[in-house]
């Protein structure tokens, strides 16, 4: 899927509709830019609620802090498996938030 866009004077681009649709992105959603070699990868960033129920963090009475910690460990594990440093945004000089 190739979609060329033009960089604005402020360094902004519009994500083409076909890509927004493919990633199910809607206004207010967050994305992250990852630099992998000479490529930039755009990934949708879900909320912690997207992970709710995906882990057994001690049963139905688990504290949210336990669930959050388990999610952070899983995200770290997946990031390490991809070979992408956890601070890829910082390495690329991209501010988060």
PDB file of N, CA and C in Angstrom:
ATOM      1  N   UNK A   1       0.851  -1.167   0.000  1.00  0.00           N
ATOM      2  CA  UNK A   1       0.000   0.000   0.000  1.00  0.00           C
ATOM      3  C   UNK A   1       0.898   1.232   0.000  1.00  0.00           C
ATOM      4  N   UNK A   2       0.904   1.969  -1.082  1.00  0.00           N
ATOM      5  CA  UNK A   2       1.697   3.190  -1.192  1.00  0.00           C
ATOM      6  C   UNK A   2       0.776   4.394  -1.223  1.00  0.00           C
ATOM      7  N   UNK A   3       1.034   5.346  -0.339  1.00  0.00           N
ATOM      8  CA  UNK A   3       0.266   6.583  -0.283  1.00  0.00           C
ATOM      9  C   UNK A   3       1.231   7.705   0.025  1.00  0.00           C
ATOM     10  N   UNK A   4       1.559   8.494  -0.973  1.00  0.00           N
ATOM     11  CA  UNK A   4       2.472   9.609  -0.774  1.00  0.00           C
ATOM     12  C   UNK A   4       1.708  10.800  -0.210  1.00  0.00           C
ATOM     13  N   UNK A   5       2.315  11.474   0.762  1.00  0.00           N
ATOM     14  CA  UNK A   5       1.739  12.685   1.341  1.00  0.00           C
ATOM     15  C   UNK A   5       2.815  13.762   1.350  1.00  0.00           C
ATOM     16  N   UNK A   6       2.394  15.008   1.514  1.00  0.00           N
ATOM     17  CA  UNK A   6       3.320  16.130   1.525  1.00  0.00           C
ATOM     18  C   UNK A   6       3.505  16.632   2.947  1.00  0.00           C
ATOM     19  N   UNK A   7       4.742  16.829   3.335  1.00  0.00           N
ATOM     20  CA  UNK A   7       5.074  17.345   4.649  1.00  0.00           C
ATOM     21  C   UNK A   7       4.784  18.842   4.680  1.00  0.00           C
ATOM     22  N   UNK A   8       4.039  19.300   5.696  1.00  0.00           N
ATOM     23  CA  UNK A   8       3.723  20.726   5.790  1.00  0.00           C
ATOM     24  C   UNK A   8       4.927  21.494   6.340  1.00  0.00           C
ATOM     25  N   UNK A   9       4.831  22.810   6.320  1.00  0.00           N
ATOM     26  CA  UNK A   9       5.917  23.644   6.847  1.00  0.00           C
ATOM     27  C   UNK A   9       6.119  23.425   8.345  1.00  0.00           C
ATOM     28  N   UNK A  10       5.108  22.871   9.021  1.00  0.00           N
ATOM     29  CA  UNK A  10       5.214  22.587  10.447  1.00  0.00           C
ATOM     30  C   UNK A  10       5.639  21.143  10.704  1.00  0.00           C
ATOM     31  N   UNK A  11       5.965  20.418   9.642  1.00  0.00           N
ATOM     32  CA  UNK A  11       6.397  19.025   9.791  1.00  0.00           C
ATOM     33  C   UNK A  11       5.240  18.061   9.980  1.00  0.00           C
ATOM     34  N   UNK A  12       4.049  18.450   9.590  1.00  0.00           N
ATOM     35  CA  UNK A  12       2.872  17.618   9.773  1.00  0.00           C
ATOM     36  C   UNK A  12       2.476  16.930   8.478  1.00  0.00           C
ATOM     37  N   UNK A  13       1.856  15.762   8.628  1.00  0.00           N
ATOM     38  CA  UNK A  13       1.287  15.047   7.494  1.00  0.00           C
ATOM     39  C   UNK A  13      -0.118  14.591   7.874  1.00  0.00           C
ATOM     40  N   UNK A  14      -0.929  14.375   6.873  1.00  0.00           N
ATOM     41  CA  UNK A  14      -2.251  13.802   7.085  1.00  0.00           C
ATOM     42  C   UNK A  14      -2.167  12.333   6.733  1.00  0.00           C
ATOM     43  N   UNK A  15      -2.649  11.487   7.640  1.00  0.00           N
ATOM     44  CA  UNK A  15      -2.653  10.048   7.373  1.00  0.00           C
ATOM     45  C   UNK A  15      -3.757   9.791   6.350  1.00  0.00           C
ATOM     46  N   UNK A  16      -3.411   9.211   5.212  1.00  0.00           N
ATOM     47  CA  UNK A  16      -4.417   8.970   4.179  1.00  0.00           C
ATOM     48  C   UNK A  16      -5.594   8.135   4.701  1.00  0.00           C
ATOM     49  N   UNK A  17      -6.774   8.431   4.178  1.00  0.00           N
ATOM     50  CA  UNK A  17      -7.997   7.767   4.637  1.00  0.00           C
ATOM     51  C   UNK A  17      -7.904   6.252   4.530  1.00  0.00           C
ATOM     52  N   UNK A  18      -7.344   5.741   3.451  1.00  0.00           N
ATOM     53  CA  UNK A  18      -7.244   4.292   3.286  1.00  0.00           C
ATOM     54  C   UNK A  18      -6.435   3.659   4.430  1.00  0.00           C
ATOM     55  N   UNK A  19      -5.427   4.364   4.912  1.00  0.00           N
ATOM     56  CA  UNK A  19      -4.618   3.861   6.027  1.00  0.00           C
ATOM     57  C   UNK A  19      -5.385   4.023   7.341  1.00  0.00           C
ATOM     58  N   UNK A  20      -6.040   5.178   7.534  1.00  0.00           N
ATOM     59  CA  UNK A  20      -6.860   5.369   8.738  1.00  0.00           C
ATOM     60  C   UNK A  20      -7.922   4.285   8.827  1.00  0.00           C
ATOM     61  N   UNK A  21      -8.548   3.972   7.701  1.00  0.00           N
ATOM     62  CA  UNK A  21      -9.573   2.926   7.685  1.00  0.00           C
ATOM     63  C   UNK A  21      -8.973   1.559   8.002  1.00  0.00           C
ATOM     64  N   UNK A  22      -7.840   1.261   7.394  1.00  0.00           N
ATOM     65  CA  UNK A  22      -7.187  -0.050   7.598  1.00  0.00           C
ATOM     66  C   UNK A  22      -6.798  -0.257   9.054  1.00  0.00           C
ATOM     67  N   UNK A  23      -6.342   0.831   9.728  1.00  0.00           N
ATOM     68  CA  UNK A  23      -5.946   0.744  11.137  1.00  0.00           C
ATOM     69  C   UNK A  23      -7.094   1.076  12.084  1.00  0.00           C
ATOM     70  N   UNK A  24      -8.266   1.348  11.524  1.00  0.00           N
ATOM     71  CA  UNK A  24      -9.452   1.717  12.311  1.00  0.00           C
ATOM     72  C   UNK A  24      -9.170   2.918  13.209  1.00  0.00           C
ATOM     73  N   UNK A  25      -8.453   3.911  12.659  1.00  0.00           N
ATOM     74  CA  UNK A  25      -8.140   5.123  13.410  1.00  0.00           C
ATOM     75  C   UNK A  25      -9.291   6.113  13.292  1.00  0.00           C
ATOM     76  N   UNK A  26      -9.559   6.787  14.403  1.00  0.00           N
ATOM     77  CA  UNK A  26     -10.598   7.808  14.399  1.00  0.00           C
ATOM     78  C   UNK A  26     -10.088   9.026  15.163  1.00  0.00           C
ATOM     79  N   UNK A  27     -10.730  10.176  15.010  1.00  0.00           N
ATOM     80  CA  UNK A  27     -10.265  11.383  15.700  1.00  0.00           C
ATOM     81  C   UNK A  27     -10.098  11.134  17.200  1.00  0.00           C
ATOM     82  N   UNK A  28      -8.982  11.598  17.732  1.00  0.00           N
ATOM     83  CA  UNK A  28      -8.686  11.412  19.154  1.00  0.00           C
ATOM     84  C   UNK A  28      -7.819  10.205  19.446  1.00  0.00           C
ATOM     85  N   UNK A  29      -7.698   9.272  18.491  1.00  0.00           N
ATOM     86  CA  UNK A  29      -6.834   8.107  18.692  1.00  0.00           C
ATOM     87  C   UNK A  29      -5.384   8.561  18.723  1.00  0.00           C
ATOM     88  N   UNK A  30      -4.553   7.789  19.419  1.00  0.00           N
ATOM     89  CA  UNK A  30      -3.133   8.087  19.499  1.00  0.00           C
ATOM     90  C   UNK A  30      -2.362   7.102  18.634  1.00  0.00           C
ATOM     91  N   UNK A  31      -1.283   7.591  18.041  1.00  0.00           N
ATOM     92  CA  UNK A  31      -0.390   6.751  17.252  1.00  0.00           C
ATOM     93  C   UNK A  31       1.037   7.011  17.720  1.00  0.00           C
ATOM     94  N   UNK A  32       1.903   6.082  17.400  1.00  0.00           N
ATOM     95  CA  UNK A  32       3.315   6.240  17.726  1.00  0.00           C
ATOM     96  C   UNK A  32       4.112   6.010  16.453  1.00  0.00           C
ATOM     97  N   UNK A  33       5.184   6.790  16.299  1.00  0.00           N
ATOM     98  CA  UNK A  33       6.088   6.630  15.167  1.00  0.00           C
ATOM     99  C   UNK A  33       7.331   5.915  15.677  1.00  0.00           C
ATOM    100  N   UNK A  34       7.681   4.795  15.068  1.00  0.00           N
ATOM    101  CA  UNK A  34       8.865   4.033  15.427  1.00  0.00           C
ATOM    102  C   UNK A  34       9.860   4.104  14.273  1.00  0.00           C
ATOM    103  N   UNK A  35      11.114   4.386  14.579  1.00  0.00           N
ATOM    104  CA  UNK A  35      12.150   4.424  13.559  1.00  0.00           C
ATOM    105  C   UNK A  35      12.864   3.078  13.565  1.00  0.00           C
ATOM    106  N   UNK A  36      12.834   2.415  12.417  1.00  0.00           N
ATOM    107  CA  UNK A  36      13.490   1.109  12.265  1.00  0.00           C
ATOM    108  C   UNK A  36      14.405   1.208  11.060  1.00  0.00           C
ATOM    109  N   UNK A  37      15.670   1.433  11.341  1.00  0.00           N
ATOM    110  CA  UNK A  37      16.625   1.634  10.258  1.00  0.00           C
ATOM    111  C   UNK A  37      16.320   2.928   9.543  1.00  0.00           C
ATOM    112  N   UNK A  38      16.054   2.840   8.249  1.00  0.00           N
ATOM    113  CA  UNK A  38      15.728   4.019   7.449  1.00  0.00           C
ATOM    114  C   UNK A  38      14.221   4.153   7.235  1.00  0.00           C
ATOM    115  N   UNK A  39      13.437   3.381   7.969  1.00  0.00           N
ATOM    116  CA  UNK A  39      11.983   3.414   7.816  1.00  0.00           C
ATOM    117  C   UNK A  39      11.321   3.956   9.066  1.00  0.00           C
ATOM    118  N   UNK A  40      10.162   4.564   8.876  1.00  0.00           N
ATOM    119  CA  UNK A  40       9.333   5.006   9.989  1.00  0.00           C
ATOM    120  C   UNK A  40       8.057   4.175   9.950  1.00  0.00           C
ATOM    121  N   UNK A  41       7.720   3.581  11.089  1.00  0.00           N
ATOM    122  CA  UNK A  41       6.534   2.743  11.193  1.00  0.00           C
ATOM    123  C   UNK A  41       5.523   3.457  12.075  1.00  0.00           C
ATOM    124  N   UNK A  42       4.298   3.526  11.626  1.00  0.00           N
ATOM    125  CA  UNK A  42       3.207   4.141  12.375  1.00  0.00           C
ATOM    126  C   UNK A  42       2.386   3.022  12.996  1.00  0.00           C
ATOM    127  N   UNK A  43       2.182   3.094  14.311  1.00  0.00           N
ATOM    128  CA  UNK A  43       1.359   2.092  14.987  1.00  0.00           C
ATOM    129  C   UNK A  43       0.306   2.788  15.825  1.00  0.00           C
ATOM    130  N   UNK A  44      -0.884   2.229  15.836  1.00  0.00           N
ATOM    131  CA  UNK A  44      -1.938   2.740  16.701  1.00  0.00           C
ATOM    132  C   UNK A  44      -1.587   2.381  18.141  1.00  0.00           C
ATOM    133  N   UNK A  45      -1.878   3.295  19.051  1.00  0.00           N
ATOM    134  CA  UNK A  45      -1.620   3.065  20.472  1.00  0.00           C
ATOM    135  C   UNK A  45      -2.971   2.904  21.146  1.00  0.00           C
ATOM    136  N   UNK A  46      -3.216   1.723  21.671  1.00  0.00           N
ATOM    137  CA  UNK A  46      -4.469   1.489  22.380  1.00  0.00           C
ATOM    138  C   UNK A  46      -4.380   1.965  23.815  1.00  0.00           C
ATOM    139  N   UNK A  47      -5.495   1.963  24.471  1.00  0.00           N
ATOM    140  CA  UNK A  47      -5.522   2.320  25.881  1.00  0.00           C
ATOM    141  C   UNK A  47      -5.385   1.059  26.719  1.00  0.00           C
ATOM    142  N   UNK A  48      -5.176   1.214  28.001  1.00  0.00           N
ATOM    143  CA  UNK A  48      -5.055   0.065  28.889  1.00  0.00           C
ATOM    144  C   UNK A  48      -6.357  -0.730  28.898  1.00  0.00           C
ATOM    145  N   UNK A  49      -7.475  -0.061  28.610  1.00  0.00           N
ATOM    146  CA  UNK A  49      -8.759  -0.762  28.580  1.00  0.00           C
ATOM    147  C   UNK A  49      -8.816  -1.784  27.443  1.00  0.00           C
ATOM    148  N   UNK A  50      -8.011  -1.597  26.397  1.00  0.00           N
ATOM    149  CA  UNK A  50      -7.952  -2.577  25.317  1.00  0.00           C
ATOM    150  C   UNK A  50      -7.410  -3.911  25.810  1.00  0.00           C
ATOM    151  N   UNK A  51      -6.657  -3.875  26.882  1.00  0.00           N
ATOM    152  CA  UNK A  51      -6.020  -5.071  27.432  1.00  0.00           C
ATOM    153  C   UNK A  51      -6.861  -5.705  28.548  1.00  0.00           C
ATOM    154  N   UNK A  52      -7.922  -5.023  28.982  1.00  0.00           N
ATOM    155  CA  UNK A  52      -8.711  -5.518  30.096  1.00  0.00           C
ATOM    156  C   UNK A  52      -9.238  -6.916  29.797  1.00  0.00           C
ATOM    157  N   UNK A  53      -9.019  -7.826  30.717  1.00  0.00           N
ATOM    158  CA  UNK A  53      -9.481  -9.189  30.563  1.00  0.00           C
ATOM    159  C   UNK A  53      -8.529 -10.089  29.808  1.00  0.00           C
ATOM    160  N   UNK A  54      -7.445  -9.534  29.265  1.00  0.00           N
ATOM    161  CA  UNK A  54      -6.508 -10.338  28.480  1.00  0.00           C
ATOM    162  C   UNK A  54      -5.527 -11.104  29.357  1.00  0.00           C
ATOM    163  N   UNK A  55      -5.441 -10.739  30.624  1.00  0.00           N
ATOM    164  CA  UNK A  55      -4.472 -11.357  31.520  1.00  0.00           C
ATOM    165  C   UNK A  55      -5.166 -11.853  32.772  1.00  0.00           C
ATOM    166  N   UNK A  56      -4.590 -12.872  33.374  1.00  0.00           N
ATOM    167  CA  UNK A  56      -5.077 -13.316  34.675  1.00  0.00           C
ATOM    168  C   UNK A  56      -4.122 -12.752  35.716  1.00  0.00           C
ATOM    169  N   UNK A  57      -4.439 -11.570  36.202  1.00  0.00           N
ATOM    170  CA  UNK A  57      -3.558 -10.873  37.139  1.00  0.00           C
ATOM    171  C   UNK A  57      -3.978 -11.134  38.577  1.00  0.00           C
ATOM    172  N   UNK A  58      -4.380 -12.354  38.862  1.00  0.00           N
ATOM    173  CA  UNK A  58      -4.729 -12.681  40.228  1.00  0.00           C
ATOM    174  C   UNK A  58      -6.211 -12.905  40.427  1.00  0.00           C
ATOM    175  N   UNK A  59      -6.946 -13.071  39.378  1.00  0.00           N
ATOM    176  CA  UNK A  59      -8.360 -13.364  39.517  1.00  0.00           C
ATOM    177  C   UNK A  59      -9.230 -12.133  39.363  1.00  0.00           C
ATOM    178  N   UNK A  60     -10.513 -12.317  39.545  1.00  0.00           N
ATOM    179  CA  UNK A  60     -11.455 -11.229  39.286  1.00  0.00           C
ATOM    180  C   UNK A  60     -11.332 -10.043  40.232  1.00  0.00           C
ATOM    181  N   UNK A  61     -10.663 -10.210  41.354  1.00  0.00           N
ATOM    182  CA  UNK A  61     -10.529  -9.097  42.305  1.00  0.00           C
ATOM    183  C   UNK A  61      -9.161  -8.425  42.205  1.00  0.00           C
ATOM    184  N   UNK A  62      -8.475  -8.620  41.100  1.00  0.00           N
ATOM    185  CA  UNK A  62      -7.141  -8.041  40.936  1.00  0.00           C
ATOM    186  C   UNK A  62      -7.207  -6.514  40.989  1.00  0.00           C
ATOM    187  N   UNK A  63      -6.196  -5.919  41.586  1.00  0.00           N
ATOM    188  CA  UNK A  63      -6.083  -4.469  41.633  1.00  0.00           C
ATOM    189  C   UNK A  63      -5.665  -3.953  40.262  1.00  0.00           C
ATOM    190  N   UNK A  64      -6.147  -2.748  39.897  1.00  0.00           N
ATOM    191  CA  UNK A  64      -5.765  -2.167  38.612  1.00  0.00           C
ATOM    192  C   UNK A  64      -4.260  -1.988  38.505  1.00  0.00           C
ATOM    193  N   UNK A  65      -3.597  -1.691  39.615  1.00  0.00           N
ATOM    194  CA  UNK A  65      -2.140  -1.521  39.560  1.00  0.00           C
ATOM    195  C   UNK A  65      -1.462  -2.818  39.144  1.00  0.00           C
ATOM    196  N   UNK A  66      -2.012  -3.963  39.581  1.00  0.00           N
ATOM    197  CA  UNK A  66      -1.459  -5.260  39.176  1.00  0.00           C
ATOM    198  C   UNK A  66      -1.674  -5.500  37.684  1.00  0.00           C
ATOM    199  N   UNK A  67      -2.873  -5.165  37.206  1.00  0.00           N
ATOM    200  CA  UNK A  67      -3.177  -5.332  35.783  1.00  0.00           C
ATOM    201  C   UNK A  67      -2.262  -4.431  34.959  1.00  0.00           C
ATOM    202  N   UNK A  68      -2.115  -3.161  35.380  1.00  0.00           N
ATOM    203  CA  UNK A  68      -1.259  -2.204  34.665  1.00  0.00           C
ATOM    204  C   UNK A  68       0.183  -2.712  34.611  1.00  0.00           C
ATOM    205  N   UNK A  69       0.687  -3.217  35.735  1.00  0.00           N
ATOM    206  CA  UNK A  69       2.054  -3.734  35.767  1.00  0.00           C
ATOM    207  C   UNK A  69       2.218  -4.922  34.822  1.00  0.00           C
ATOM    208  N   UNK A  70       1.228  -5.783  34.785  1.00  0.00           N
ATOM    209  CA  UNK A  70       1.309  -6.949  33.891  1.00  0.00           C
ATOM    210  C   UNK A  70       1.267  -6.507  32.426  1.00  0.00           C
ATOM    211  N   UNK A  71       0.446  -5.519  32.115  1.00  0.00           N
ATOM    212  CA  UNK A  71       0.392  -4.988  30.747  1.00  0.00           C
ATOM    213  C   UNK A  71       1.737  -4.398  30.365  1.00  0.00           C
ATOM    214  N   UNK A  72       2.343  -3.618  31.255  1.00  0.00           N
ATOM    215  CA  UNK A  72       3.657  -3.022  30.971  1.00  0.00           C
ATOM    216  C   UNK A  72       4.711  -4.101  30.725  1.00  0.00           C
ATOM    217  N   UNK A  73       4.680  -5.166  31.507  1.00  0.00           N
ATOM    218  CA  UNK A  73       5.634  -6.264  31.291  1.00  0.00           C
ATOM    219  C   UNK A  73       5.414  -6.906  29.922  1.00  0.00           C
ATOM    220  N   UNK A  74       4.140  -7.128  29.545  1.00  0.00           N
ATOM    221  CA  UNK A  74       3.836  -7.756  28.258  1.00  0.00           C
ATOM    222  C   UNK A  74       4.247  -6.856  27.102  1.00  0.00           C
ATOM    223  N   UNK A  75       3.982  -5.563  27.203  1.00  0.00           N
ATOM    224  CA  UNK A  75       4.397  -4.630  26.156  1.00  0.00           C
ATOM    225  C   UNK A  75       5.919  -4.631  26.047  1.00  0.00           C
ATOM    226  N   UNK A  76       6.608  -4.637  27.170  1.00  0.00           N
ATOM    227  CA  UNK A  76       8.071  -4.698  27.163  1.00  0.00           C
ATOM    228  C   UNK A  76       8.579  -5.973  26.514  1.00  0.00           C
ATOM    229  N   UNK A  77       7.927  -7.100  26.825  1.00  0.00           N
ATOM    230  CA  UNK A  77       8.327  -8.379  26.242  1.00  0.00           C
ATOM    231  C   UNK A  77       8.142  -8.351  24.725  1.00  0.00           C
ATOM    232  N   UNK A  78       7.008  -7.839  24.273  1.00  0.00           N
ATOM    233  CA  UNK A  78       6.751  -7.790  22.831  1.00  0.00           C
ATOM    234  C   UNK A  78       7.711  -6.840  22.134  1.00  0.00           C
ATOM    235  N   UNK A  79       8.010  -5.719  22.768  1.00  0.00           N
ATOM    236  CA  UNK A  79       8.951  -4.763  22.194  1.00  0.00           C
ATOM    237  C   UNK A  79      10.335  -5.389  22.067  1.00  0.00           C
ATOM    238  N   UNK A  80      10.768  -6.089  23.116  1.00  0.00           N
ATOM    239  CA  UNK A  80      12.078  -6.742  23.083  1.00  0.00           C
ATOM    240  C   UNK A  80      12.115  -7.820  22.003  1.00  0.00           C
ATOM    241  N   UNK A  81      11.013  -8.538  21.833  1.00  0.00           N
ATOM    242  CA  UNK A  81      10.953  -9.593  20.819  1.00  0.00           C
ATOM    243  C   UNK A  81      11.075  -9.029  19.411  1.00  0.00           C
ATOM    244  N   UNK A  82      10.588  -7.799  19.211  1.00  0.00           N
ATOM    245  CA  UNK A  82      10.683  -7.158  17.898  1.00  0.00           C
ATOM    246  C   UNK A  82      12.061  -6.576  17.652  1.00  0.00           C
ATOM    247  N   UNK A  83      12.872  -6.469  18.697  1.00  0.00           N
ATOM    248  CA  UNK A  83      14.196  -5.895  18.544  1.00  0.00           C
ATOM    249  C   UNK A  83      14.184  -4.386  18.504  1.00  0.00           C
ATOM    250  N   UNK A  84      13.093  -3.775  18.949  1.00  0.00           N
ATOM    251  CA  UNK A  84      12.973  -2.322  18.961  1.00  0.00           C
ATOM    252  C   UNK A  84      13.241  -1.834  20.368  1.00  0.00           C
ATOM    253  N   UNK A  85      14.178  -0.903  20.558  1.00  0.00           N
ATOM    254  CA  UNK A  85      14.429  -0.408  21.903  1.00  0.00           C
ATOM    255  C   UNK A  85      13.182   0.257  22.468  1.00  0.00           C
ATOM    256  N   UNK A  86      12.992   0.125  23.780  1.00  0.00           N
ATOM    257  CA  UNK A  86      11.822   0.704  24.431  1.00  0.00           C
ATOM    258  C   UNK A  86      11.790   2.208  24.262  1.00  0.00           C
ATOM    259  N   UNK A  87      12.952   2.819  24.044  1.00  0.00           N
ATOM    260  CA  UNK A  87      13.010   4.277  23.923  1.00  0.00           C
ATOM    261  C   UNK A  87      13.201   4.682  22.459  1.00  0.00           C
ATOM    262  N   UNK A  88      12.564   3.981  21.552  1.00  0.00           N
ATOM    263  CA  UNK A  88      12.738   4.268  20.119  1.00  0.00           C
ATOM    264  C   UNK A  88      12.348   5.702  19.788  1.00  0.00           C
ATOM    265  N   UNK A  89      11.297   6.211  20.454  1.00  0.00           N
ATOM    266  CA  UNK A  89      10.881   7.572  20.181  1.00  0.00           C
ATOM    267  C   UNK A  89      11.969   8.556  20.596  1.00  0.00           C
ATOM    268  N   UNK A  90      12.574   8.303  21.756  1.00  0.00           N
ATOM    269  CA  UNK A  90      13.642   9.190  22.225  1.00  0.00           C
ATOM    270  C   UNK A  90      14.857   9.094  21.318  1.00  0.00           C
ATOM    271  N   UNK A  91      15.193   7.862  20.915  1.00  0.00           N
ATOM    272  CA  UNK A  91      16.343   7.662  20.023  1.00  0.00           C
ATOM    273  C   UNK A  91      16.154   8.421  18.710  1.00  0.00           C
ATOM    274  N   UNK A  92      14.908   8.544  18.272  1.00  0.00           N
ATOM    275  CA  UNK A  92      14.619   9.190  17.002  1.00  0.00           C
ATOM    276  C   UNK A  92      14.393  10.691  17.192  1.00  0.00           C
ATOM    277  N   UNK A  93      14.424  11.144  18.442  1.00  0.00           N
ATOM    278  CA  UNK A  93      14.202  12.559  18.703  1.00  0.00           C
ATOM    279  C   UNK A  93      12.749  12.949  18.597  1.00  0.00           C
ATOM    280  N   UNK A  94      11.842  11.982  18.824  1.00  0.00           N
ATOM    281  CA  UNK A  94      10.426  12.236  18.735  1.00  0.00           C
ATOM    282  C   UNK A  94       9.878  12.335  20.151  1.00  0.00           C
ATOM    283  N   UNK A  95       9.242  13.453  20.452  1.00  0.00           N
ATOM    284  CA  UNK A  95       8.655  13.635  21.776  1.00  0.00           C
ATOM    285  C   UNK A  95       7.326  12.918  21.851  1.00  0.00           C
ATOM    286  N   UNK A  96       7.051  12.275  22.963  1.00  0.00           N
ATOM    287  CA  UNK A  96       5.768  11.620  23.150  1.00  0.00           C
ATOM    288  C   UNK A  96       4.845  12.545  23.912  1.00  0.00           C
ATOM    289  N   UNK A  97       3.560  12.234  23.825  1.00  0.00           N
ATOM    290  CA  UNK A  97       2.580  12.995  24.591  1.00  0.00           C
ATOM    291  C   UNK A  97       1.749  13.727  23.715  1.00  0.00           C
TER     292      UNK A  97
END
